[in-house]
Amino acid sequence: MQSENTVDIHLEAIEVLLNHILYVRGVYPAQIFKKRRVYNTPVFVSIFPPLNNYLANVLRSARELLARNELQCLEIILYQTENQPLESYELQVECIENAARDPHLMQYEEQLRSAIYKFGERVKQLPKLPSGTCLFKLQLHTCKDAFVRLSHDPQYQEFPWLQSEHNKSERISQSQKISLLPLASVDNVGLHMQARIFG
């Protein structure tokens, strides 16, 4: 089990990165985002209540899985039609073991700040997503036991989880072109982010 502080640190980073991806890739209009300073860098965070509620519910479930070391990856999938993803961003979470070497989280913040800037620079080269027609979904990758426990837990009944019909390898057909874009590896943070761009 991870400590509550470590889980909260991971969740904050995940929330910032999710908002940043939605803003930078233009999934929602820029007007629903407000500029905030996080990790001593400007980031855009949603002020749209339905989106915020959705993200809060996903993060609440992710928190439970993180606390038990059962969250393998959080994936944000951008798409126009359900079975044809345009882009996929994976946030892989690992346990932070060297937190004692960075008690004031200075290296942590520096690495996350760098990851946010690198992400922005790397996705600038990508073609713009179709305006107004792009959707997204979040998937939590975990084990079957964790899924069963989460789906039967009364506190998660208002925001139920379903098992995905397609795993990663099934989503990518043989004829589909894919580009892999490693975005950031934040060693002291325990987060690794990569993107798949489908063509």
N, C-alpha and C. Protein backbone atom coordinates (compact mmCIF):
# COMPACT_ATOMS: atom_id res chain seq x y z
N MET A 1 0.84 -1.19 0.00
CA MET A 1 0.00 0.00 0.00
C MET A 1 0.88 1.25 0.00
N GLN A 2 0.48 2.23 -0.78
CA GLN A 2 1.21 3.49 -0.82
C GLN A 2 0.66 4.42 0.26
N SER A 3 1.49 5.30 0.77
CA SER A 3 1.03 6.25 1.78
C SER A 3 0.05 7.23 1.14
N GLU A 4 -0.78 7.83 1.99
CA GLU A 4 -1.77 8.79 1.47
C GLU A 4 -1.09 9.97 0.80
N ASN A 5 0.03 10.42 1.35
CA ASN A 5 0.75 11.55 0.75
C ASN A 5 1.22 11.21 -0.65
N THR A 6 1.78 10.02 -0.82
CA THR A 6 2.27 9.60 -2.14
C THR A 6 1.12 9.51 -3.13
N VAL A 7 0.00 8.95 -2.70
CA VAL A 7 -1.17 8.84 -3.56
C VAL A 7 -1.66 10.23 -3.97
N ASP A 8 -1.73 11.15 -3.02
CA ASP A 8 -2.18 12.51 -3.32
C ASP A 8 -1.23 13.22 -4.28
N ILE A 9 0.07 12.97 -4.13
CA ILE A 9 1.06 13.56 -5.02
C ILE A 9 0.84 13.06 -6.45
N HIS A 10 0.66 11.74 -6.59
CA HIS A 10 0.40 11.16 -7.91
C HIS A 10 -0.90 11.71 -8.50
N LEU A 11 -1.95 11.76 -7.69
CA LEU A 11 -3.25 12.21 -8.20
C LEU A 11 -3.20 13.66 -8.68
N GLU A 12 -2.52 14.51 -7.95
CA GLU A 12 -2.41 15.90 -8.38
C GLU A 12 -1.70 15.99 -9.73
N ALA A 13 -0.62 15.23 -9.88
CA ALA A 13 0.12 15.24 -11.15
C ALA A 13 -0.75 14.71 -12.29
N ILE A 14 -1.49 13.64 -12.03
CA ILE A 14 -2.37 13.06 -13.05
C ILE A 14 -3.45 14.06 -13.45
N GLU A 15 -4.05 14.72 -12.47
CA GLU A 15 -5.11 15.70 -12.75
C GLU A 15 -4.57 16.85 -13.60
N VAL A 16 -3.39 17.35 -13.26
CA VAL A 16 -2.79 18.45 -14.04
C VAL A 16 -2.52 17.99 -15.46
N LEU A 17 -1.96 16.79 -15.62
CA LEU A 17 -1.65 16.28 -16.96
C LEU A 17 -2.90 16.03 -17.79
N LEU A 18 -3.96 15.50 -17.16
CA LEU A 18 -5.23 15.28 -17.89
C LEU A 18 -5.79 16.60 -18.41
N ASN A 19 -5.87 17.60 -17.55
CA ASN A 19 -6.37 18.91 -17.96
C ASN A 19 -5.50 19.50 -19.06
N HIS A 20 -4.19 19.33 -18.92
CA HIS A 20 -3.25 19.88 -19.90
C HIS A 20 -3.44 19.22 -21.27
N ILE A 21 -3.62 17.91 -21.29
CA ILE A 21 -3.85 17.20 -22.55
C ILE A 21 -5.14 17.69 -23.21
N LEU A 22 -6.22 17.78 -22.44
CA LEU A 22 -7.50 18.23 -23.00
C LEU A 22 -7.40 19.65 -23.55
N TYR A 23 -6.66 20.51 -22.87
CA TYR A 23 -6.50 21.89 -23.33
C TYR A 23 -5.60 21.97 -24.56
N VAL A 24 -4.41 21.39 -24.47
CA VAL A 24 -3.43 21.53 -25.55
C VAL A 24 -3.93 20.88 -26.84
N ARG A 25 -4.63 19.76 -26.75
CA ARG A 25 -5.12 19.09 -27.95
C ARG A 25 -6.45 19.65 -28.43
N GLY A 26 -7.04 20.60 -27.71
CA GLY A 26 -8.24 21.28 -28.17
C GLY A 26 -9.49 20.42 -28.16
N VAL A 27 -9.58 19.50 -27.21
CA VAL A 27 -10.76 18.64 -27.12
C VAL A 27 -11.99 19.48 -26.72
N TYR A 28 -11.77 20.46 -25.86
CA TYR A 28 -12.83 21.40 -25.46
C TYR A 28 -12.39 22.80 -25.85
N PRO A 29 -13.35 23.73 -25.97
CA PRO A 29 -12.98 25.11 -26.29
C PRO A 29 -12.08 25.70 -25.19
N ALA A 30 -11.16 26.54 -25.59
CA ALA A 30 -10.21 27.15 -24.65
C ALA A 30 -10.92 27.96 -23.56
N GLN A 31 -12.16 28.44 -23.83
CA GLN A 31 -12.88 29.27 -22.89
C GLN A 31 -13.26 28.55 -21.60
N ILE A 32 -13.30 27.21 -21.61
CA ILE A 32 -13.69 26.51 -20.38
C ILE A 32 -12.48 26.19 -19.50
N PHE A 33 -11.32 26.70 -19.87
CA PHE A 33 -10.12 26.49 -19.08
C PHE A 33 -9.64 27.80 -18.49
N LYS A 34 -9.12 27.70 -17.29
CA LYS A 34 -8.59 28.87 -16.60
C LYS A 34 -7.12 28.63 -16.33
N LYS A 35 -6.31 29.65 -16.54
CA LYS A 35 -4.87 29.52 -16.31
C LYS A 35 -4.60 29.53 -14.80
N ARG A 36 -3.85 28.52 -14.37
CA ARG A 36 -3.41 28.42 -12.97
C ARG A 36 -1.92 28.17 -12.95
N ARG A 37 -1.34 28.41 -11.82
CA ARG A 37 0.08 28.15 -11.64
C ARG A 37 0.22 26.89 -10.78
N VAL A 38 0.77 25.85 -11.38
CA VAL A 38 1.00 24.59 -10.68
C VAL A 38 2.43 24.16 -10.99
N TYR A 39 3.13 23.69 -10.00
CA TYR A 39 4.55 23.31 -10.15
C TYR A 39 5.35 24.50 -10.68
N ASN A 40 4.94 25.69 -10.27
CA ASN A 40 5.61 26.93 -10.66
C ASN A 40 5.63 27.12 -12.17
N THR A 41 4.59 26.65 -12.83
CA THR A 41 4.46 26.84 -14.28
C THR A 41 2.98 27.06 -14.61
N PRO A 42 2.69 27.83 -15.64
CA PRO A 42 1.28 28.04 -16.00
C PRO A 42 0.68 26.80 -16.68
N VAL A 43 -0.46 26.37 -16.20
CA VAL A 43 -1.21 25.28 -16.82
C VAL A 43 -2.67 25.72 -16.90
N PHE A 44 -3.41 25.06 -17.78
CA PHE A 44 -4.82 25.38 -17.92
C PHE A 44 -5.65 24.26 -17.30
N VAL A 45 -6.62 24.66 -16.46
CA VAL A 45 -7.45 23.72 -15.73
C VAL A 45 -8.91 24.02 -16.04
N SER A 46 -9.69 22.98 -16.22
CA SER A 46 -11.10 23.12 -16.58
C SER A 46 -11.89 23.83 -15.48
N ILE A 47 -12.82 24.70 -15.91
CA ILE A 47 -13.78 25.32 -14.99
C ILE A 47 -15.20 24.92 -15.38
N PHE A 48 -15.33 23.89 -16.22
CA PHE A 48 -16.61 23.41 -16.73
C PHE A 48 -17.13 22.31 -15.79
N PRO A 49 -18.19 22.56 -15.01
CA PRO A 49 -18.63 21.62 -13.98
C PRO A 49 -18.86 20.17 -14.45
N PRO A 50 -19.53 19.91 -15.59
CA PRO A 50 -19.71 18.50 -15.98
C PRO A 50 -18.37 17.78 -16.22
N LEU A 51 -17.42 18.45 -16.85
CA LEU A 51 -16.11 17.86 -17.07
C LEU A 51 -15.39 17.66 -15.73
N ASN A 52 -15.46 18.64 -14.86
CA ASN A 52 -14.82 18.53 -13.56
C ASN A 52 -15.39 17.39 -12.73
N ASN A 53 -16.71 17.20 -12.79
CA ASN A 53 -17.34 16.09 -12.07
C ASN A 53 -16.86 14.74 -12.60
N TYR A 54 -16.80 14.63 -13.93
CA TYR A 54 -16.33 13.39 -14.54
C TYR A 54 -14.89 13.09 -14.12
N LEU A 55 -14.03 14.10 -14.24
CA LEU A 55 -12.62 13.90 -13.86
C LEU A 55 -12.50 13.57 -12.37
N ALA A 56 -13.28 14.23 -11.52
CA ALA A 56 -13.23 13.96 -10.08
C ALA A 56 -13.63 12.53 -9.78
N ASN A 57 -14.66 12.02 -10.46
CA ASN A 57 -15.08 10.63 -10.24
C ASN A 57 -14.02 9.63 -10.71
N VAL A 58 -13.41 9.90 -11.84
CA VAL A 58 -12.35 9.02 -12.33
C VAL A 58 -11.17 9.04 -11.36
N LEU A 59 -10.80 10.23 -10.91
CA LEU A 59 -9.66 10.35 -10.00
C LEU A 59 -9.96 9.73 -8.64
N ARG A 60 -11.20 9.76 -8.22
CA ARG A 60 -11.56 9.10 -6.95
C ARG A 60 -11.36 7.60 -7.06
N SER A 61 -11.75 7.02 -8.19
CA SER A 61 -11.52 5.59 -8.41
C SER A 61 -10.03 5.30 -8.56
N ALA A 62 -9.33 6.17 -9.27
CA ALA A 62 -7.88 5.99 -9.44
C ALA A 62 -7.17 6.05 -8.09
N ARG A 63 -7.66 6.92 -7.21
CA ARG A 63 -7.07 7.05 -5.87
C ARG A 63 -7.14 5.72 -5.12
N GLU A 64 -8.30 5.09 -5.18
CA GLU A 64 -8.49 3.79 -4.51
C GLU A 64 -7.50 2.77 -5.06
N LEU A 65 -7.37 2.72 -6.38
CA LEU A 65 -6.46 1.75 -7.00
C LEU A 65 -5.00 2.09 -6.70
N LEU A 66 -4.66 3.36 -6.71
CA LEU A 66 -3.30 3.77 -6.39
C LEU A 66 -2.92 3.39 -4.96
N ALA A 67 -3.85 3.62 -4.04
CA ALA A 67 -3.57 3.32 -2.63
C ALA A 67 -3.26 1.84 -2.42
N ARG A 68 -3.81 0.99 -3.26
CA ARG A 68 -3.58 -0.46 -3.14
C ARG A 68 -2.52 -0.96 -4.12
N ASN A 69 -1.84 -0.04 -4.80
CA ASN A 69 -0.84 -0.40 -5.83
C ASN A 69 -1.44 -1.26 -6.94
N GLU A 70 -2.68 -0.95 -7.33
CA GLU A 70 -3.36 -1.74 -8.36
C GLU A 70 -3.61 -0.96 -9.65
N LEU A 71 -3.21 0.29 -9.69
CA LEU A 71 -3.38 1.07 -10.91
C LEU A 71 -2.12 0.91 -11.75
N GLN A 72 -2.27 0.22 -12.87
CA GLN A 72 -1.13 0.01 -13.76
C GLN A 72 -0.93 1.21 -14.68
N CYS A 73 -2.05 1.78 -15.11
CA CYS A 73 -1.96 2.85 -16.11
C CYS A 73 -3.31 3.56 -16.18
N LEU A 74 -3.27 4.86 -16.40
CA LEU A 74 -4.47 5.61 -16.73
C LEU A 74 -4.30 6.05 -18.18
N GLU A 75 -5.29 5.77 -19.00
CA GLU A 75 -5.20 6.06 -20.43
C GLU A 75 -6.30 7.03 -20.82
N ILE A 76 -5.92 8.08 -21.53
CA ILE A 76 -6.90 9.01 -22.09
C ILE A 76 -6.90 8.79 -23.60
N ILE A 77 -8.07 8.49 -24.13
CA ILE A 77 -8.21 8.16 -25.54
C ILE A 77 -9.04 9.25 -26.21
N LEU A 78 -8.47 9.87 -27.24
CA LEU A 78 -9.18 10.88 -28.02
C LEU A 78 -9.68 10.21 -29.29
N TYR A 79 -10.95 10.42 -29.63
CA TYR A 79 -11.53 9.73 -30.77
C TYR A 79 -12.68 10.53 -31.38
N GLN A 80 -13.04 10.15 -32.63
CA GLN A 80 -14.23 10.69 -33.26
C GLN A 80 -15.33 9.65 -33.25
N THR A 81 -14.97 8.41 -33.59
CA THR A 81 -15.91 7.30 -33.49
C THR A 81 -15.31 6.29 -32.52
N GLU A 82 -16.17 5.61 -31.80
CA GLU A 82 -15.79 4.76 -30.68
C GLU A 82 -14.64 3.80 -30.97
N ASN A 83 -14.65 3.13 -32.09
CA ASN A 83 -13.65 2.11 -32.36
C ASN A 83 -12.46 2.60 -33.19
N GLN A 84 -12.36 3.91 -33.37
CA GLN A 84 -11.25 4.46 -34.14
C GLN A 84 -10.58 5.59 -33.37
N PRO A 85 -9.65 5.25 -32.48
CA PRO A 85 -8.97 6.30 -31.71
C PRO A 85 -8.07 7.14 -32.60
N LEU A 86 -7.98 8.42 -32.26
CA LEU A 86 -7.08 9.33 -32.96
C LEU A 86 -5.75 9.41 -32.22
N GLU A 87 -5.84 9.50 -30.90
CA GLU A 87 -4.65 9.59 -30.05
C GLU A 87 -4.94 8.90 -28.73
N SER A 88 -3.90 8.37 -28.14
CA SER A 88 -4.01 7.72 -26.84
C SER A 88 -2.81 8.15 -26.00
N TYR A 89 -3.07 8.62 -24.80
CA TYR A 89 -2.01 9.04 -23.88
C TYR A 89 -2.06 8.14 -22.65
N GLU A 90 -0.95 7.53 -22.33
CA GLU A 90 -0.88 6.64 -21.19
C GLU A 90 -0.03 7.26 -20.09
N LEU A 91 -0.58 7.25 -18.89
CA LEU A 91 0.16 7.68 -17.71
C LEU A 91 0.39 6.43 -16.87
N GLN A 92 1.60 5.95 -16.87
CA GLN A 92 1.93 4.76 -16.08
C GLN A 92 2.46 5.23 -14.73
N VAL A 93 1.97 4.62 -13.69
CA VAL A 93 2.29 5.04 -12.33
C VAL A 93 3.12 3.95 -11.66
N GLU A 94 4.20 4.39 -11.03
CA GLU A 94 5.03 3.47 -10.26
C GLU A 94 5.17 4.04 -8.85
N CYS A 95 5.44 3.16 -7.93
CA CYS A 95 5.62 3.55 -6.54
C CYS A 95 6.87 4.43 -6.41
N ILE A 96 6.77 5.52 -5.68
CA ILE A 96 7.91 6.39 -5.43
C ILE A 96 8.71 5.81 -4.26
N GLU A 97 9.92 5.41 -4.54
CA GLU A 97 10.75 4.84 -3.47
C GLU A 97 11.81 5.81 -2.98
N ASN A 98 12.12 6.83 -3.76
CA ASN A 98 13.20 7.73 -3.36
C ASN A 98 12.69 9.08 -2.87
N ALA A 99 11.50 9.09 -2.29
CA ALA A 99 10.92 10.34 -1.81
C ALA A 99 11.75 10.94 -0.68
N ALA A 100 12.47 10.12 0.07
CA ALA A 100 13.28 10.61 1.17
C ALA A 100 14.42 11.50 0.66
N ARG A 101 14.87 11.27 -0.58
CA ARG A 101 15.96 12.08 -1.14
C ARG A 101 15.45 13.44 -1.60
N ASP A 102 14.16 13.63 -1.68
CA ASP A 102 13.57 14.89 -2.13
C ASP A 102 12.43 15.28 -1.18
N PRO A 103 12.76 15.55 0.08
CA PRO A 103 11.69 15.77 1.07
C PRO A 103 10.83 17.00 0.80
N HIS A 104 11.35 18.00 0.11
CA HIS A 104 10.59 19.21 -0.18
C HIS A 104 10.02 19.20 -1.60
N LEU A 105 10.16 18.07 -2.28
CA LEU A 105 9.61 17.85 -3.61
C LEU A 105 10.13 18.84 -4.66
N MET A 106 11.33 19.32 -4.49
CA MET A 106 11.92 20.26 -5.45
C MET A 106 12.22 19.57 -6.78
N GLN A 107 12.87 18.40 -6.73
CA GLN A 107 13.17 17.65 -7.96
C GLN A 107 11.88 17.18 -8.63
N TYR A 108 10.93 16.78 -7.81
CA TYR A 108 9.62 16.34 -8.30
C TYR A 108 8.96 17.44 -9.12
N GLU A 109 8.88 18.64 -8.55
CA GLU A 109 8.26 19.75 -9.26
C GLU A 109 9.04 20.12 -10.51
N GLU A 110 10.35 20.10 -10.43
CA GLU A 110 11.18 20.42 -11.60
C GLU A 110 10.93 19.43 -12.73
N GLN A 111 10.87 18.14 -12.40
CA GLN A 111 10.64 17.14 -13.43
C GLN A 111 9.23 17.25 -14.02
N LEU A 112 8.24 17.52 -13.20
CA LEU A 112 6.88 17.69 -13.74
C LEU A 112 6.77 18.94 -14.59
N ARG A 113 7.40 20.02 -14.16
CA ARG A 113 7.42 21.25 -14.95
C ARG A 113 8.05 20.97 -16.32
N SER A 114 9.15 20.26 -16.30
CA SER A 114 9.83 19.90 -17.55
C SER A 114 8.94 19.02 -18.42
N ALA A 115 8.24 18.06 -17.81
CA ALA A 115 7.35 17.15 -18.56
C ALA A 115 6.21 17.93 -19.22
N ILE A 116 5.67 18.91 -18.51
CA ILE A 116 4.58 19.72 -19.06
C ILE A 116 5.07 20.52 -20.27
N TYR A 117 6.23 21.12 -20.15
CA TYR A 117 6.80 21.87 -21.28
C TYR A 117 7.13 20.95 -22.45
N LYS A 118 7.74 19.80 -22.18
CA LYS A 118 8.09 18.86 -23.25
C LYS A 118 6.83 18.39 -23.97
N PHE A 119 5.80 18.11 -23.21
CA PHE A 119 4.55 17.67 -23.82
C PHE A 119 4.02 18.73 -24.78
N GLY A 120 3.97 19.98 -24.31
CA GLY A 120 3.48 21.06 -25.15
C GLY A 120 4.29 21.22 -26.43
N GLU A 121 5.59 21.10 -26.31
CA GLU A 121 6.47 21.24 -27.49
C GLU A 121 6.30 20.07 -28.47
N ARG A 122 6.18 18.88 -27.95
CA ARG A 122 6.09 17.71 -28.83
C ARG A 122 4.76 17.62 -29.56
N VAL A 123 3.68 18.00 -28.90
CA VAL A 123 2.39 17.89 -29.58
C VAL A 123 2.11 19.05 -30.52
N LYS A 124 2.91 20.12 -30.45
CA LYS A 124 2.76 21.22 -31.40
C LYS A 124 2.96 20.73 -32.83
N GLN A 125 3.78 19.70 -32.98
CA GLN A 125 4.09 19.17 -34.31
C GLN A 125 2.97 18.30 -34.87
N LEU A 126 2.04 17.89 -34.02
CA LEU A 126 0.95 17.04 -34.47
C LEU A 126 -0.12 17.86 -35.19
N PRO A 127 -0.82 17.24 -36.14
CA PRO A 127 -1.92 17.96 -36.80
C PRO A 127 -3.04 18.24 -35.79
N LYS A 128 -3.74 19.35 -36.01
CA LYS A 128 -4.86 19.68 -35.12
C LYS A 128 -5.93 18.62 -35.21
N LEU A 129 -6.61 18.39 -34.11
CA LEU A 129 -7.73 17.44 -34.09
C LEU A 129 -8.94 18.09 -34.75
N PRO A 130 -9.85 17.28 -35.29
CA PRO A 130 -11.06 17.83 -35.92
C PRO A 130 -11.84 18.71 -34.93
N SER A 131 -12.10 19.91 -35.30
CA SER A 131 -12.74 20.89 -34.43
C SER A 131 -14.18 20.50 -34.08
N GLY A 132 -14.48 20.48 -32.79
CA GLY A 132 -15.84 20.26 -32.31
C GLY A 132 -16.36 18.85 -32.39
N THR A 133 -15.62 17.92 -32.95
CA THR A 133 -16.13 16.55 -33.09
C THR A 133 -15.28 15.52 -32.34
N CYS A 134 -14.28 15.98 -31.66
CA CYS A 134 -13.39 15.05 -30.95
C CYS A 134 -13.94 14.78 -29.55
N LEU A 135 -13.95 13.54 -29.16
CA LEU A 135 -14.41 13.11 -27.85
C LEU A 135 -13.24 12.46 -27.11
N PHE A 136 -13.42 12.21 -25.82
CA PHE A 136 -12.39 11.50 -25.09
C PHE A 136 -13.02 10.57 -24.07
N LYS A 137 -12.25 9.58 -23.68
CA LYS A 137 -12.66 8.71 -22.59
C LYS A 137 -11.41 8.35 -21.80
N LEU A 138 -11.63 8.02 -20.55
CA LEU A 138 -10.53 7.62 -19.68
C LEU A 138 -10.70 6.15 -19.32
N GLN A 139 -9.60 5.44 -19.35
CA GLN A 139 -9.61 4.03 -18.94
C GLN A 139 -8.57 3.84 -17.85
N LEU A 140 -8.97 3.10 -16.82
CA LEU A 140 -8.04 2.73 -15.77
C LEU A 140 -7.64 1.28 -16.01
N HIS A 141 -6.36 1.03 -16.16
CA HIS A 141 -5.87 -0.33 -16.36
C HIS A 141 -5.50 -0.90 -15.00
N THR A 142 -6.12 -2.03 -14.67
CA THR A 142 -5.90 -2.65 -13.38
C THR A 142 -6.08 -4.16 -13.52
N CYS A 143 -6.07 -4.87 -12.41
CA CYS A 143 -6.27 -6.32 -12.44
C CYS A 143 -7.76 -6.64 -12.25
N LYS A 144 -8.13 -7.89 -12.54
CA LYS A 144 -9.54 -8.30 -12.43
C LYS A 144 -10.06 -8.22 -11.01
N ASP A 145 -9.24 -8.59 -10.04
CA ASP A 145 -9.68 -8.53 -8.64
C ASP A 145 -10.04 -7.10 -8.23
N ALA A 146 -9.21 -6.16 -8.66
CA ALA A 146 -9.48 -4.76 -8.33
C ALA A 146 -10.75 -4.28 -9.03
N PHE A 147 -10.95 -4.68 -10.27
CA PHE A 147 -12.16 -4.30 -11.00
C PHE A 147 -13.41 -4.83 -10.30
N VAL A 148 -13.37 -6.10 -9.90
CA VAL A 148 -14.53 -6.71 -9.23
C VAL A 148 -14.80 -5.99 -7.91
N ARG A 149 -13.75 -5.71 -7.13
CA ARG A 149 -13.94 -5.03 -5.85
C ARG A 149 -14.51 -3.63 -6.07
N LEU A 150 -13.98 -2.91 -7.06
CA LEU A 150 -14.44 -1.55 -7.35
C LEU A 150 -15.89 -1.54 -7.82
N SER A 151 -16.25 -2.50 -8.67
CA SER A 151 -17.61 -2.54 -9.21
C SER A 151 -18.65 -2.96 -8.18
N HIS A 152 -18.21 -3.61 -7.08
CA HIS A 152 -19.15 -4.01 -6.04
C HIS A 152 -19.13 -3.09 -4.82
N ASP A 153 -18.27 -2.11 -4.81
CA ASP A 153 -18.15 -1.20 -3.69
C ASP A 153 -19.29 -0.18 -3.76
N PRO A 154 -20.13 -0.09 -2.70
CA PRO A 154 -21.28 0.82 -2.73
C PRO A 154 -20.92 2.29 -2.98
N GLN A 155 -19.73 2.72 -2.55
CA GLN A 155 -19.39 4.13 -2.74
C GLN A 155 -19.10 4.50 -4.19
N TYR A 156 -18.96 3.49 -5.06
CA TYR A 156 -18.71 3.75 -6.47
C TYR A 156 -19.91 3.42 -7.35
N GLN A 157 -21.07 3.17 -6.76
CA GLN A 157 -22.24 2.78 -7.53
C GLN A 157 -22.82 3.92 -8.37
N GLU A 158 -22.61 5.17 -7.94
CA GLU A 158 -23.10 6.31 -8.72
C GLU A 158 -22.26 6.55 -9.97
N PHE A 159 -21.05 6.03 -9.96
CA PHE A 159 -20.13 6.19 -11.09
C PHE A 159 -19.54 4.82 -11.39
N PRO A 160 -20.37 3.93 -11.98
CA PRO A 160 -19.92 2.54 -12.17
C PRO A 160 -18.87 2.41 -13.27
N TRP A 161 -18.06 1.38 -13.13
CA TRP A 161 -17.03 1.07 -14.12
C TRP A 161 -17.42 -0.17 -14.88
N LEU A 162 -17.11 -0.19 -16.16
CA LEU A 162 -17.36 -1.36 -17.00
C LEU A 162 -16.02 -1.88 -17.50
N GLN A 163 -15.98 -3.18 -17.73
CA GLN A 163 -14.77 -3.75 -18.30
C GLN A 163 -14.73 -3.39 -19.78
N SER A 164 -13.58 -2.92 -20.24
CA SER A 164 -13.43 -2.52 -21.64
C SER A 164 -13.60 -3.73 -22.54
N GLU A 165 -14.30 -3.53 -23.65
CA GLU A 165 -14.52 -4.62 -24.59
C GLU A 165 -13.27 -4.93 -25.40
N HIS A 166 -12.39 -3.94 -25.54
CA HIS A 166 -11.20 -4.11 -26.37
C HIS A 166 -9.97 -3.84 -25.53
N ASN A 167 -9.00 -4.72 -25.65
CA ASN A 167 -7.74 -4.39 -25.01
C ASN A 167 -6.88 -3.65 -26.01
N LYS A 168 -5.74 -3.15 -25.56
CA LYS A 168 -4.89 -2.31 -26.40
C LYS A 168 -4.52 -2.96 -27.71
N SER A 169 -4.13 -4.21 -27.68
CA SER A 169 -3.68 -4.86 -28.91
C SER A 169 -4.82 -5.09 -29.88
N GLU A 170 -6.04 -5.28 -29.39
CA GLU A 170 -7.18 -5.47 -30.28
C GLU A 170 -7.59 -4.15 -30.94
N ARG A 171 -7.37 -3.01 -30.27
CA ARG A 171 -7.77 -1.72 -30.82
C ARG A 171 -6.95 -1.34 -32.04
N ILE A 172 -5.73 -1.82 -32.10
CA ILE A 172 -4.84 -1.45 -33.20
C ILE A 172 -4.93 -2.52 -34.27
N SER A 173 -5.61 -2.20 -35.36
CA SER A 173 -5.73 -3.17 -36.44
C SER A 173 -4.43 -3.22 -37.23
N GLN A 174 -4.25 -4.28 -38.00
CA GLN A 174 -3.02 -4.45 -38.76
C GLN A 174 -2.82 -3.34 -39.79
N SER A 175 -3.91 -2.83 -40.35
CA SER A 175 -3.78 -1.82 -41.40
C SER A 175 -3.66 -0.40 -40.84
N GLN A 176 -3.85 -0.24 -39.55
CA GLN A 176 -3.83 1.07 -38.95
C GLN A 176 -2.39 1.52 -38.68
N LYS A 177 -2.05 2.69 -39.16
CA LYS A 177 -0.72 3.25 -38.94
C LYS A 177 -0.68 3.85 -37.54
N ILE A 178 0.42 3.66 -36.84
CA ILE A 178 0.54 4.18 -35.48
C ILE A 178 1.92 4.79 -35.29
N SER A 179 1.97 5.92 -34.63
CA SER A 179 3.24 6.54 -34.27
C SER A 179 3.31 6.58 -32.75
N LEU A 180 4.43 6.21 -32.21
CA LEU A 180 4.63 6.22 -30.77
C LEU A 180 5.47 7.44 -30.41
N LEU A 181 4.99 8.24 -29.49
CA LEU A 181 5.66 9.47 -29.10
C LEU A 181 5.95 9.43 -27.60
N PRO A 182 7.19 9.09 -27.20
CA PRO A 182 7.48 9.11 -25.76
C PRO A 182 7.54 10.56 -25.30
N LEU A 183 6.68 10.92 -24.38
CA LEU A 183 6.56 12.31 -23.99
C LEU A 183 7.41 12.66 -22.78
N ALA A 184 7.37 11.84 -21.78
CA ALA A 184 8.12 12.18 -20.58
C ALA A 184 8.27 10.96 -19.70
N SER A 185 9.38 10.94 -19.03
CA SER A 185 9.61 9.97 -17.98
C SER A 185 10.09 10.78 -16.79
N VAL A 186 9.30 10.77 -15.75
CA VAL A 186 9.60 11.58 -14.59
C VAL A 186 10.04 10.65 -13.48
N ASP A 187 11.36 10.45 -13.39
CA ASP A 187 11.91 9.41 -12.53
C ASP A 187 11.59 9.59 -11.05
N ASN A 188 11.78 10.77 -10.52
CA ASN A 188 11.55 10.99 -9.10
C ASN A 188 10.08 11.02 -8.75
N VAL A 189 9.25 11.10 -9.75
CA VAL A 189 7.82 11.19 -9.53
C VAL A 189 7.14 9.82 -9.63
N GLY A 190 7.71 8.95 -10.45
CA GLY A 190 7.10 7.65 -10.64
C GLY A 190 6.03 7.66 -11.72
N LEU A 191 6.07 8.64 -12.61
CA LEU A 191 5.11 8.72 -13.72
C LEU A 191 5.86 8.59 -15.03
N HIS A 192 5.27 7.87 -15.96
CA HIS A 192 5.82 7.77 -17.30
C HIS A 192 4.66 8.03 -18.25
N MET A 193 4.87 8.89 -19.24
CA MET A 193 3.80 9.24 -20.15
C MET A 193 4.26 9.02 -21.58
N GLN A 194 3.41 8.37 -22.34
CA GLN A 194 3.69 8.21 -23.76
C GLN A 194 2.40 8.40 -24.53
N ALA A 195 2.54 8.69 -25.81
CA ALA A 195 1.37 8.93 -26.65
C ALA A 195 1.41 8.00 -27.85
N ARG A 196 0.24 7.55 -28.27
CA ARG A 196 0.09 6.82 -29.53
C ARG A 196 -0.77 7.70 -30.43
N ILE A 197 -0.26 7.96 -31.61
CA ILE A 197 -0.99 8.76 -32.59
C ILE A 197 -1.41 7.82 -33.71
N PHE A 198 -2.70 7.68 -33.94
CA PHE A 198 -3.21 6.76 -34.93
C PHE A 198 -3.44 7.49 -36.24
N GLY A 199 -3.07 6.87 -37.35
CA GLY A 199 -3.23 7.56 -38.63
C GLY A 199 -4.01 6.75 -39.61
